[in-house]
Structures are given as structure tokens and as C-alpha cells.
PDB file of all heavy atoms in Angstrom:
ATOM      1  N   TYR A   1      -2.788  -2.252   4.110  1.00  0.00           N
ATOM      2  CA  TYR A   1      -3.064  -1.195   5.067  1.00  0.00           C
ATOM      3  C   TYR A   1      -2.238  -1.451   6.319  1.00  0.00           C
ATOM      4  O   TYR A   1      -1.727  -2.552   6.525  1.00  0.00           O
ATOM      5  CB  TYR A   1      -4.550  -1.163   5.444  1.00  0.00           C
ATOM      6  CG  TYR A   1      -5.470  -0.542   4.411  1.00  0.00           C
ATOM      7  CD1 TYR A   1      -5.764  -1.199   3.226  1.00  0.00           C
ATOM      8  CD2 TYR A   1      -6.059   0.703   4.641  1.00  0.00           C
ATOM      9  CE1 TYR A   1      -6.610  -0.640   2.285  1.00  0.00           C
ATOM     10  CE2 TYR A   1      -6.910   1.265   3.703  1.00  0.00           C
ATOM     11  CZ  TYR A   1      -7.182   0.592   2.535  1.00  0.00           C
ATOM     12  OH  TYR A   1      -8.032   1.152   1.613  1.00  0.00           O
ATOM     13  N   ARG A   2      -2.122  -0.435   7.164  1.00  0.00           N
ATOM     14  CA  ARG A   2      -1.454  -0.618   8.448  1.00  0.00           C
ATOM     15  C   ARG A   2      -2.195   0.158   9.522  1.00  0.00           C
ATOM     16  O   ARG A   2      -2.915   1.115   9.235  1.00  0.00           O
ATOM     17  CB  ARG A   2       0.014  -0.187   8.380  1.00  0.00           C
ATOM     18  CG  ARG A   2       0.238   1.290   8.108  1.00  0.00           C
ATOM     19  CD  ARG A   2       1.717   1.560   7.858  1.00  0.00           C
ATOM     20  NE  ARG A   2       1.986   2.969   7.646  1.00  0.00           N
ATOM     21  CZ  ARG A   2       3.162   3.460   7.277  1.00  0.00           C
ATOM     22  NH1 ARG A   2       4.190   2.636   7.061  1.00  0.00           N
ATOM     23  NH2 ARG A   2       3.320   4.772   7.119  1.00  0.00           N
ATOM     24  N   GLN A   3      -1.992  -0.265  10.785  1.00  0.00           N
ATOM     25  CA  GLN A   3      -2.711   0.347  11.889  1.00  0.00           C
ATOM     26  C   GLN A   3      -1.865   0.326  13.153  1.00  0.00           C
ATOM     27  O   GLN A   3      -1.320  -0.712  13.531  1.00  0.00           O
ATOM     28  CB  GLN A   3      -4.035  -0.376  12.141  1.00  0.00           C
ATOM     29  CG  GLN A   3      -4.934   0.291  13.174  1.00  0.00           C
ATOM     30  CD  GLN A   3      -6.306  -0.344  13.227  1.00  0.00           C
ATOM     31  OE1 GLN A   3      -6.466  -1.527  12.956  1.00  0.00           O
ATOM     32  NE2 GLN A   3      -7.304   0.449  13.579  1.00  0.00           N
ATOM     33  N   VAL A   4      -1.772   1.477  13.799  1.00  0.00           N
ATOM     34  CA  VAL A   4      -1.184   1.607  15.122  1.00  0.00           C
ATOM     35  C   VAL A   4      -2.330   1.558  16.123  1.00  0.00           C
ATOM     36  O   VAL A   4      -3.397   2.134  15.892  1.00  0.00           O
ATOM     37  CB  VAL A   4      -0.396   2.923  15.257  1.00  0.00           C
ATOM     38  CG1 VAL A   4       0.154   3.083  16.665  1.00  0.00           C
ATOM     39  CG2 VAL A   4       0.725   2.981  14.235  1.00  0.00           C
ATOM     40  N   GLN A   5      -2.129   0.880  17.253  1.00  0.00           N
ATOM     41  CA  GLN A   5      -3.186   0.748  18.256  1.00  0.00           C
ATOM     42  C   GLN A   5      -3.705   2.117  18.668  1.00  0.00           C
ATOM     43  O   GLN A   5      -2.923   3.021  18.972  1.00  0.00           O
ATOM     44  CB  GLN A   5      -2.681  -0.016  19.469  1.00  0.00           C
ATOM     45  CG  GLN A   5      -3.772  -0.349  20.470  1.00  0.00           C
ATOM     46  CD  GLN A   5      -3.301  -1.301  21.553  1.00  0.00           C
ATOM     47  OE1 GLN A   5      -2.180  -1.801  21.515  1.00  0.00           O
ATOM     48  NE2 GLN A   5      -4.151  -1.556  22.520  1.00  0.00           N
ATOM     49  N   GLY A   6      -5.031   2.264  18.648  1.00  0.00           N
ATOM     50  CA  GLY A   6      -5.652   3.518  19.016  1.00  0.00           C
ATOM     51  C   GLY A   6      -5.810   4.512  17.884  1.00  0.00           C
ATOM     52  O   GLY A   6      -6.380   5.583  18.096  1.00  0.00           O
ATOM     53  N   LYS A   7      -5.306   4.172  16.690  1.00  0.00           N
ATOM     54  CA  LYS A   7      -5.418   5.065  15.548  1.00  0.00           C
ATOM     55  C   LYS A   7      -6.172   4.376  14.411  1.00  0.00           C
ATOM     56  O   LYS A   7      -6.354   3.158  14.402  1.00  0.00           O
ATOM     57  CB  LYS A   7      -4.038   5.508  15.068  1.00  0.00           C
ATOM     58  CG  LYS A   7      -3.186   6.137  16.151  1.00  0.00           C
ATOM     59  CD  LYS A   7      -2.216   7.145  15.578  1.00  0.00           C
ATOM     60  CE  LYS A   7      -2.956   8.409  15.142  1.00  0.00           C
ATOM     61  NZ  LYS A   7      -2.028   9.446  14.622  1.00  0.00           N
ATOM     62  N   ALA A   8      -6.595   5.148  13.441  1.00  0.00           N
ATOM     63  CA  ALA A   8      -7.334   4.625  12.300  1.00  0.00           C
ATOM     64  C   ALA A   8      -6.423   3.811  11.389  1.00  0.00           C
ATOM     65  O   ALA A   8      -5.223   4.075  11.279  1.00  0.00           O
ATOM     66  CB  ALA A   8      -7.980   5.764  11.522  1.00  0.00           C
ATOM     67  N   ARG A   9      -7.020   2.833  10.735  1.00  0.00           N
ATOM     68  CA  ARG A   9      -6.290   2.056   9.748  1.00  0.00           C
ATOM     69  C   ARG A   9      -5.914   2.952   8.564  1.00  0.00           C
ATOM     70  O   ARG A   9      -6.730   3.738   8.072  1.00  0.00           O
ATOM     71  CB  ARG A   9      -7.149   0.877   9.293  1.00  0.00           C
ATOM     72  CG  ARG A   9      -6.389  -0.220   8.592  1.00  0.00           C
ATOM     73  CD  ARG A   9      -7.228  -1.494   8.491  1.00  0.00           C
ATOM     74  NE  ARG A   9      -7.457  -2.106   9.794  1.00  0.00           N
ATOM     75  CZ  ARG A   9      -8.088  -3.257   9.973  1.00  0.00           C
ATOM     76  NH1 ARG A   9      -8.569  -3.923   8.934  1.00  0.00           N
ATOM     77  NH2 ARG A   9      -8.253  -3.733  11.192  1.00  0.00           N
ATOM     78  N   GLU A  10      -4.671   2.821   8.083  1.00  0.00           N
ATOM     79  CA  GLU A  10      -4.095   3.724   7.099  1.00  0.00           C
ATOM     80  C   GLU A  10      -3.752   2.978   5.813  1.00  0.00           C
ATOM     81  O   GLU A  10      -3.110   1.919   5.845  1.00  0.00           O
ATOM     82  CB  GLU A  10      -2.835   4.381   7.676  1.00  0.00           C
ATOM     83  CG  GLU A  10      -2.061   5.259   6.723  1.00  0.00           C
ATOM     84  CD  GLU A  10      -0.716   5.673   7.284  1.00  0.00           C
ATOM     85  OE1 GLU A  10      -0.169   4.949   8.138  1.00  0.00           O
ATOM     86  OE2 GLU A  10      -0.206   6.739   6.869  1.00  0.00           O
ATOM     87  N   PHE A  11      -4.141   3.531   4.680  1.00  0.00           N
ATOM     88  CA  PHE A  11      -3.785   2.969   3.381  1.00  0.00           C
ATOM     89  C   PHE A  11      -2.284   3.024   3.159  1.00  0.00           C
ATOM     90  O   PHE A  11      -1.640   4.035   3.454  1.00  0.00           O
ATOM     91  CB  PHE A  11      -4.499   3.743   2.268  1.00  0.00           C
ATOM     92  CG  PHE A  11      -4.022   3.407   0.889  1.00  0.00           C
ATOM     93  CD1 PHE A  11      -4.425   2.242   0.261  1.00  0.00           C
ATOM     94  CD2 PHE A  11      -3.161   4.250   0.212  1.00  0.00           C
ATOM     95  CE1 PHE A  11      -3.986   1.918  -1.011  1.00  0.00           C
ATOM     96  CE2 PHE A  11      -2.712   3.948  -1.054  1.00  0.00           C
ATOM     97  CZ  PHE A  11      -3.128   2.773  -1.666  1.00  0.00           C
ATOM     98  N   VAL A  12      -1.720   1.945   2.609  1.00  0.00           N
ATOM     99  CA  VAL A  12      -0.297   1.876   2.303  1.00  0.00           C
ATOM    100  C   VAL A  12      -0.051   1.751   0.806  1.00  0.00           C
ATOM    101  O   VAL A  12       0.699   2.540   0.221  1.00  0.00           O
ATOM    102  CB  VAL A  12       0.377   0.701   3.038  1.00  0.00           C
ATOM    103  CG1 VAL A  12       1.837   0.556   2.612  1.00  0.00           C
ATOM    104  CG2 VAL A  12       0.271   0.891   4.548  1.00  0.00           C
ATOM    105  N   ALA A  13      -0.669   0.754   0.165  1.00  0.00           N
ATOM    106  CA  ALA A  13      -0.412   0.498  -1.253  1.00  0.00           C
ATOM    107  C   ALA A  13      -1.540  -0.332  -1.834  1.00  0.00           C
ATOM    108  O   ALA A  13      -2.205  -1.079  -1.123  1.00  0.00           O
ATOM    109  CB  ALA A  13       0.923  -0.226  -1.443  1.00  0.00           C
ATOM    110  N   ARG A  14      -1.739  -0.217  -3.146  1.00  0.00           N
ATOM    111  CA  ARG A  14      -2.763  -0.972  -3.864  1.00  0.00           C
ATOM    112  C   ARG A  14      -2.202  -1.433  -5.196  1.00  0.00           C
ATOM    113  O   ARG A  14      -1.436  -0.709  -5.832  1.00  0.00           O
ATOM    114  CB  ARG A  14      -4.012  -0.112  -4.097  1.00  0.00           C
ATOM    115  CG  ARG A  14      -5.153  -0.803  -4.828  1.00  0.00           C
ATOM    116  CD  ARG A  14      -6.325   0.157  -5.017  1.00  0.00           C
ATOM    117  NE  ARG A  14      -7.495  -0.485  -5.600  1.00  0.00           N
ATOM    118  CZ  ARG A  14      -7.740  -0.561  -6.902  1.00  0.00           C
ATOM    119  NH1 ARG A  14      -6.894  -0.024  -7.775  1.00  0.00           N
ATOM    120  NH2 ARG A  14      -8.832  -1.163  -7.344  1.00  0.00           N
ATOM    121  N   ILE A  15      -2.609  -2.636  -5.614  1.00  0.00           N
ATOM    122  CA  ILE A  15      -2.265  -3.142  -6.932  1.00  0.00           C
ATOM    123  C   ILE A  15      -3.539  -3.590  -7.622  1.00  0.00           C
ATOM    124  O   ILE A  15      -4.352  -4.322  -7.058  1.00  0.00           O
ATOM    125  CB  ILE A  15      -1.207  -4.271  -6.854  1.00  0.00           C
ATOM    126  CG1 ILE A  15      -0.773  -4.700  -8.256  1.00  0.00           C
ATOM    127  CG2 ILE A  15      -1.703  -5.452  -6.027  1.00  0.00           C
ATOM    128  CD1 ILE A  15       0.503  -5.523  -8.260  1.00  0.00           C
ATOM    129  N   ALA A  16      -3.737  -3.126  -8.853  1.00  0.00           N
ATOM    130  CA  ALA A  16      -4.927  -3.429  -9.621  1.00  0.00           C
ATOM    131  C   ALA A  16      -4.819  -4.797 -10.280  1.00  0.00           C
ATOM    132  O   ALA A  16      -3.767  -5.447 -10.269  1.00  0.00           O
ATOM    133  CB  ALA A  16      -5.163  -2.345 -10.672  1.00  0.00           C
ATOM    134  N   ILE A  17      -5.935  -5.231 -10.880  1.00  0.00           N
ATOM    135  CA  ILE A  17      -5.955  -6.525 -11.554  1.00  0.00           C
ATOM    136  C   ILE A  17      -4.868  -6.607 -12.622  1.00  0.00           C
ATOM    137  O   ILE A  17      -4.178  -7.625 -12.741  1.00  0.00           O
ATOM    138  CB  ILE A  17      -7.342  -6.775 -12.174  1.00  0.00           C
ATOM    139  CG1 ILE A  17      -8.397  -6.894 -11.071  1.00  0.00           C
ATOM    140  CG2 ILE A  17      -7.330  -8.023 -13.052  1.00  0.00           C
ATOM    141  CD1 ILE A  17      -9.824  -6.873 -11.587  1.00  0.00           C
ATOM    142  N   GLY A  18      -4.690  -5.523 -13.385  1.00  0.00           N
ATOM    143  CA  GLY A  18      -3.704  -5.499 -14.450  1.00  0.00           C
ATOM    144  C   GLY A  18      -2.289  -5.219 -14.000  1.00  0.00           C
ATOM    145  O   GLY A  18      -1.373  -5.223 -14.834  1.00  0.00           O
ATOM    146  N   GLY A  19      -2.083  -4.941 -12.708  1.00  0.00           N
ATOM    147  CA  GLY A  19      -0.749  -4.747 -12.181  1.00  0.00           C
ATOM    148  C   GLY A  19      -0.343  -3.314 -11.905  1.00  0.00           C
ATOM    149  O   GLY A  19       0.745  -3.089 -11.357  1.00  0.00           O
ATOM    150  N   SER A  20      -1.167  -2.338 -12.254  1.00  0.00           N
ATOM    151  CA  SER A  20      -0.828  -0.957 -11.930  1.00  0.00           C
ATOM    152  C   SER A  20      -0.884  -0.757 -10.420  1.00  0.00           C
ATOM    153  O   SER A  20      -1.642  -1.429  -9.717  1.00  0.00           O
ATOM    154  CB  SER A  20      -1.753   0.020 -12.644  1.00  0.00           C
ATOM    155  OG  SER A  20      -3.092  -0.152 -12.225  1.00  0.00           O
ATOM    156  N   THR A  21      -0.085   0.171  -9.913  1.00  0.00           N
ATOM    157  CA  THR A  21       0.067   0.353  -8.470  1.00  0.00           C
ATOM    158  C   THR A  21      -0.102   1.802  -8.070  1.00  0.00           C
ATOM    159  O   THR A  21       0.088   2.721  -8.879  1.00  0.00           O
ATOM    160  CB  THR A  21       1.447  -0.125  -7.998  1.00  0.00           C
ATOM    161  OG1 THR A  21       2.470   0.623  -8.672  1.00  0.00           O
ATOM    162  CG2 THR A  21       1.636  -1.606  -8.294  1.00  0.00           C
ATOM    163  N   ASN A  22      -0.454   2.014  -6.812  1.00  0.00           N
ATOM    164  CA  ASN A  22      -0.392   3.333  -6.212  1.00  0.00           C
ATOM    165  C   ASN A  22      -0.019   3.187  -4.740  1.00  0.00           C
ATOM    166  O   ASN A  22      -0.259   2.149  -4.122  1.00  0.00           O
ATOM    167  CB  ASN A  22      -1.680   4.136  -6.414  1.00  0.00           C
ATOM    168  CG  ASN A  22      -2.877   3.534  -5.729  1.00  0.00           C
ATOM    169  OD1 ASN A  22      -3.396   2.502  -6.137  1.00  0.00           O
ATOM    170  ND2 ASN A  22      -3.337   4.198  -4.665  1.00  0.00           N
ATOM    171  N   TYR A  23       0.590   4.248  -4.197  1.00  0.00           N
ATOM    172  CA  TYR A  23       1.176   4.213  -2.867  1.00  0.00           C
ATOM    173  C   TYR A  23       0.813   5.457  -2.071  1.00  0.00           C
ATOM    174  O   TYR A  23       0.615   6.541  -2.630  1.00  0.00           O
ATOM    175  CB  TYR A  23       2.699   4.151  -2.948  1.00  0.00           C
ATOM    176  CG  TYR A  23       3.233   2.924  -3.633  1.00  0.00           C
ATOM    177  CD1 TYR A  23       3.443   2.908  -5.007  1.00  0.00           C
ATOM    178  CD2 TYR A  23       3.529   1.783  -2.905  1.00  0.00           C
ATOM    179  CE1 TYR A  23       3.934   1.777  -5.636  1.00  0.00           C
ATOM    180  CE2 TYR A  23       4.019   0.644  -3.524  1.00  0.00           C
ATOM    181  CZ  TYR A  23       4.218   0.651  -4.895  1.00  0.00           C
ATOM    182  OH  TYR A  23       4.707  -0.477  -5.510  1.00  0.00           O
ATOM    183  N   ALA A  24       0.758   5.304  -0.764  1.00  0.00           N
ATOM    184  CA  ALA A  24       0.692   6.458   0.110  1.00  0.00           C
ATOM    185  C   ALA A  24       1.985   7.256  -0.016  1.00  0.00           C
ATOM    186  O   ALA A  24       3.068   6.692  -0.214  1.00  0.00           O
ATOM    187  CB  ALA A  24       0.489   6.024   1.559  1.00  0.00           C
ATOM    188  N   ASP A  25       1.874   8.579   0.097  1.00  0.00           N
ATOM    189  CA  ASP A  25       3.060   9.425  -0.014  1.00  0.00           C
ATOM    190  C   ASP A  25       4.138   9.040   0.998  1.00  0.00           C
ATOM    191  O   ASP A  25       5.335   9.158   0.714  1.00  0.00           O
ATOM    192  CB  ASP A  25       2.682  10.890   0.171  1.00  0.00           C
ATOM    193  CG  ASP A  25       1.934  11.470  -1.018  1.00  0.00           C
ATOM    194  OD1 ASP A  25       1.981  10.868  -2.111  1.00  0.00           O
ATOM    195  OD2 ASP A  25       1.308  12.529  -0.857  1.00  0.00           O
ATOM    196  N   SER A  26       3.735   8.579   2.167  1.00  0.00           N
ATOM    197  CA  SER A  26       4.679   8.273   3.230  1.00  0.00           C
ATOM    198  C   SER A  26       5.586   7.085   2.917  1.00  0.00           C
ATOM    199  O   SER A  26       6.640   6.945   3.536  1.00  0.00           O
ATOM    200  CB  SER A  26       3.928   8.012   4.539  1.00  0.00           C
ATOM    201  OG  SER A  26       3.025   6.934   4.399  1.00  0.00           O
ATOM    202  N   VAL A  27       5.189   6.228   1.969  1.00  0.00           N
ATOM    203  CA  VAL A  27       5.983   5.043   1.650  1.00  0.00           C
ATOM    204  C   VAL A  27       6.499   5.035   0.219  1.00  0.00           C
ATOM    205  O   VAL A  27       7.290   4.147  -0.139  1.00  0.00           O
ATOM    206  CB  VAL A  27       5.196   3.745   1.922  1.00  0.00           C
ATOM    207  CG1 VAL A  27       4.630   3.743   3.337  1.00  0.00           C
ATOM    208  CG2 VAL A  27       4.081   3.547   0.899  1.00  0.00           C
ATOM    209  N   LYS A  28       6.096   5.991  -0.592  1.00  0.00           N
ATOM    210  CA  LYS A  28       6.492   6.027  -1.997  1.00  0.00           C
ATOM    211  C   LYS A  28       8.011   6.081  -2.122  1.00  0.00           C
ATOM    212  O   LYS A  28       8.675   6.875  -1.457  1.00  0.00           O
ATOM    213  CB  LYS A  28       5.840   7.223  -2.688  1.00  0.00           C
ATOM    214  CG  LYS A  28       5.887   7.182  -4.204  1.00  0.00           C
ATOM    215  CD  LYS A  28       5.009   8.284  -4.798  1.00  0.00           C
ATOM    216  CE  LYS A  28       3.547   8.076  -4.422  1.00  0.00           C
ATOM    217  NZ  LYS A  28       2.664   9.136  -4.984  1.00  0.00           N
ATOM    218  N   GLY A  29       8.553   5.228  -2.976  1.00  0.00           N
ATOM    219  CA  GLY A  29       9.987   5.156  -3.171  1.00  0.00           C
ATOM    220  C   GLY A  29      10.694   4.201  -2.239  1.00  0.00           C
ATOM    221  O   GLY A  29      11.872   3.888  -2.458  1.00  0.00           O
ATOM    222  N   ARG A  30      10.009   3.732  -1.192  1.00  0.00           N
ATOM    223  CA  ARG A  30      10.597   2.807  -0.229  1.00  0.00           C
ATOM    224  C   ARG A  30       9.931   1.435  -0.252  1.00  0.00           C
ATOM    225  O   ARG A  30      10.591   0.428   0.002  1.00  0.00           O
ATOM    226  CB  ARG A  30      10.514   3.372   1.188  1.00  0.00           C
ATOM    227  CG  ARG A  30      11.231   4.697   1.361  1.00  0.00           C
ATOM    228  CD  ARG A  30      11.259   5.133   2.827  1.00  0.00           C
ATOM    229  NE  ARG A  30       9.921   5.323   3.372  1.00  0.00           N
ATOM    230  CZ  ARG A  30       9.413   4.638   4.400  1.00  0.00           C
ATOM    231  NH1 ARG A  30      10.137   3.702   5.003  1.00  0.00           N
ATOM    232  NH2 ARG A  30       8.186   4.900   4.833  1.00  0.00           N
ATOM    233  N   PHE A  31       8.630   1.386  -0.530  1.00  0.00           N
ATOM    234  CA  PHE A  31       7.857   0.139  -0.530  1.00  0.00           C
ATOM    235  C   PHE A  31       7.469  -0.226  -1.955  1.00  0.00           C
ATOM    236  O   PHE A  31       7.214   0.654  -2.787  1.00  0.00           O
ATOM    237  CB  PHE A  31       6.570   0.283   0.291  1.00  0.00           C
ATOM    238  CG  PHE A  31       6.758   0.411   1.778  1.00  0.00           C
ATOM    239  CD1 PHE A  31       7.992   0.637   2.352  1.00  0.00           C
ATOM    240  CD2 PHE A  31       5.650   0.308   2.613  1.00  0.00           C
ATOM    241  CE1 PHE A  31       8.140   0.758   3.728  1.00  0.00           C
ATOM    242  CE2 PHE A  31       5.778   0.426   3.985  1.00  0.00           C
ATOM    243  CZ  PHE A  31       7.023   0.653   4.542  1.00  0.00           C
ATOM    244  N   THR A  32       7.383  -1.526  -2.229  1.00  0.00           N
ATOM    245  CA  THR A  32       6.928  -2.022  -3.518  1.00  0.00           C
ATOM    246  C   THR A  32       5.894  -3.116  -3.309  1.00  0.00           C
ATOM    247  O   THR A  32       6.175  -4.117  -2.641  1.00  0.00           O
ATOM    248  CB  THR A  32       8.091  -2.577  -4.359  1.00  0.00           C
ATOM    249  OG1 THR A  32       9.070  -1.555  -4.567  1.00  0.00           O
ATOM    250  CG2 THR A  32       7.580  -3.069  -5.714  1.00  0.00           C
ATOM    251  N   ILE A  33       4.702  -2.928  -3.867  1.00  0.00           N
ATOM    252  CA  ILE A  33       3.659  -3.942  -3.813  1.00  0.00           C
ATOM    253  C   ILE A  33       3.720  -4.779  -5.091  1.00  0.00           C
ATOM    254  O   ILE A  33       3.981  -4.258  -6.179  1.00  0.00           O
ATOM    255  CB  ILE A  33       2.262  -3.306  -3.626  1.00  0.00           C
ATOM    256  CG1 ILE A  33       1.194  -4.377  -3.381  1.00  0.00           C
ATOM    257  CG2 ILE A  33       1.893  -2.413  -4.808  1.00  0.00           C
ATOM    258  CD1 ILE A  33      -0.164  -3.796  -2.985  1.00  0.00           C
ATOM    259  N   SER A  34       3.496  -6.086  -4.965  1.00  0.00           N
ATOM    260  CA  SER A  34       3.493  -6.961  -6.123  1.00  0.00           C
ATOM    261  C   SER A  34       2.532  -8.115  -5.886  1.00  0.00           C
ATOM    262  O   SER A  34       2.086  -8.342  -4.754  1.00  0.00           O
ATOM    263  CB  SER A  34       4.901  -7.477  -6.440  1.00  0.00           C
ATOM    264  OG  SER A  34       5.418  -8.244  -5.364  1.00  0.00           O
ATOM    265  N   ARG A  35       2.219  -8.843  -6.953  1.00  0.00           N
ATOM    266  CA  ARG A  35       1.333  -9.994  -6.835  1.00  0.00           C
ATOM    267  C   ARG A  35       1.834 -11.118  -7.717  1.00  0.00           C
ATOM    268  O   ARG A  35       2.453 -10.891  -8.759  1.00  0.00           O
ATOM    269  CB  ARG A  35      -0.111  -9.614  -7.204  1.00  0.00           C
ATOM    270  CG  ARG A  35      -0.305  -9.192  -8.662  1.00  0.00           C
ATOM    271  CD  ARG A  35      -1.689  -8.555  -8.871  1.00  0.00           C
ATOM    272  NE  ARG A  35      -2.759  -9.475  -8.536  1.00  0.00           N
ATOM    273  CZ  ARG A  35      -3.985  -9.099  -8.162  1.00  0.00           C
ATOM    274  NH1 ARG A  35      -4.286  -7.801  -8.070  1.00  0.00           N
ATOM    275  NH2 ARG A  35      -4.899 -10.016  -7.889  1.00  0.00           N
ATOM    276  N   ASP A  36       1.574 -12.349  -7.289  1.00  0.00           N
ATOM    277  CA  ASP A  36       1.878 -13.542  -8.064  1.00  0.00           C
ATOM    278  C   ASP A  36       0.565 -14.299  -8.209  1.00  0.00           C
ATOM    279  O   ASP A  36       0.147 -15.017  -7.301  1.00  0.00           O
ATOM    280  CB  ASP A  36       2.942 -14.390  -7.377  1.00  0.00           C
ATOM    281  CG  ASP A  36       3.393 -15.564  -8.224  1.00  0.00           C
ATOM    282  OD1 ASP A  36       2.655 -15.987  -9.125  1.00  0.00           O
ATOM    283  OD2 ASP A  36       4.508 -16.065  -7.984  1.00  0.00           O
ATOM    284  N   ASN A  37      -0.094 -14.114  -9.346  1.00  0.00           N
ATOM    285  CA  ASN A  37      -1.412 -14.714  -9.538  1.00  0.00           C
ATOM    286  C   ASN A  37      -1.355 -16.241  -9.598  1.00  0.00           C
ATOM    287  O   ASN A  37      -2.320 -16.911  -9.229  1.00  0.00           O
ATOM    288  CB  ASN A  37      -2.063 -14.162 -10.801  1.00  0.00           C
ATOM    289  CG  ASN A  37      -2.509 -12.722 -10.648  1.00  0.00           C
ATOM    290  OD1 ASN A  37      -2.716 -12.241  -9.538  1.00  0.00           O
ATOM    291  ND2 ASN A  37      -2.655 -12.032 -11.766  1.00  0.00           N
TER     292      ASN A  37
END
């Protein structure tokens, strides 16, 4: 998530246990979430 001072915290990206991902429209195609278990 991300937050600008004075504004609500905003969802950016999520990765599930199995590795599937989803992104906010504002970052799709530019950001990549990953995990190293």
C-alpha cells in the first residue's frame, strides 16, 4: 500500500499464497510484486 500525508492509504498490489497477483489500475504495467518464500 502507499499513503500521501493527509490522504487515505491506497492499495497498490497483492500477491496470493500461490503467487497470483493483482494491481491497482494506476500502477498496472509499471510495477511488479513478487515474493521469495
